[in-house]
Protein backbone atom coordinates (compact mmCIF):
# COMPACT_ATOMS: atom_id res chain seq x y z
CA MET A 1 67.57 25.07 95.52
CA ALA A 2 63.90 24.63 94.81
CA THR A 3 61.39 27.15 93.50
CA GLY A 4 60.18 29.27 96.39
CA ASP A 5 63.22 28.62 98.61
CA ALA A 6 64.47 31.66 100.51
CA LEU A 7 67.55 33.43 99.21
CA GLU A 8 69.60 35.73 101.41
CA VAL A 9 71.86 38.33 99.82
CA GLY A 10 74.17 41.00 101.17
CA PRO A 11 75.60 42.84 102.71
CA LEU A 12 77.08 44.34 99.57
CA SER A 13 80.66 45.48 99.81
CA GLY A 14 81.75 48.89 98.61
CA THR A 15 81.28 52.52 99.43
CA VAL A 16 78.93 55.28 98.37
CA ALA A 17 79.69 58.95 98.10
CA SER A 18 77.45 61.97 98.45
CA GLY A 19 75.41 62.29 95.27
CA ASP A 20 75.60 58.58 94.34
CA SER A 21 72.36 57.02 93.12
CA PRO A 22 71.46 53.31 92.90
CA GLU A 23 69.51 53.68 89.62
CA ALA A 24 69.89 50.42 87.67
CA PHE A 25 68.03 51.29 84.46
CA GLY A 26 70.27 50.76 81.45
CA GLY A 27 72.46 48.26 83.28
CA THR A 28 72.42 44.73 84.62
CA LEU A 29 73.12 42.97 87.87
CA LYS A 30 74.80 39.56 87.82
CA VAL A 31 74.30 37.25 90.79
CA THR A 32 76.15 33.97 91.32
CA ALA A 33 74.58 31.54 93.80
CA PHE A 34 76.68 28.81 95.40
CA GLY A 35 79.41 29.49 92.84
CA LEU A 36 77.40 27.44 90.34
CA ILE A 37 74.29 29.28 89.23
CA SER A 38 74.58 32.61 87.42
CA LEU A 39 71.58 34.89 87.13
CA THR A 40 71.49 38.16 85.23
CA CYS A 41 68.83 40.73 86.13
CA THR A 42 68.13 43.60 83.75
CA ALA A 43 66.00 46.60 84.73
CA GLN A 44 63.05 46.98 82.36
CA GLY A 45 62.44 50.64 83.20
CA PRO A 46 63.62 53.48 85.40
CA GLN A 47 62.74 53.49 89.10
CA SER A 48 59.50 55.25 89.91
CA PRO A 49 59.35 57.29 91.96
CA GLY A 50 62.88 58.21 90.93
CA PRO A 51 65.91 56.63 92.57
CA PHE A 52 67.05 57.94 95.92
CA VAL A 53 70.31 59.85 96.08
CA PHE A 54 72.71 59.56 99.00
CA ASP A 55 73.24 62.81 100.95
């Protein structure tokens, strides 16, 4: 994979319930590409405007 190459992700598996919010601040997301490359993304601040909440 070269710099600038496209990366397709998803769909994510799982379920959401009423009231769930995808706010990531204070947590991390780990992505593994091709089973070889691990990337860890850490939110540097809260979402603004605030995170959406599922109805």
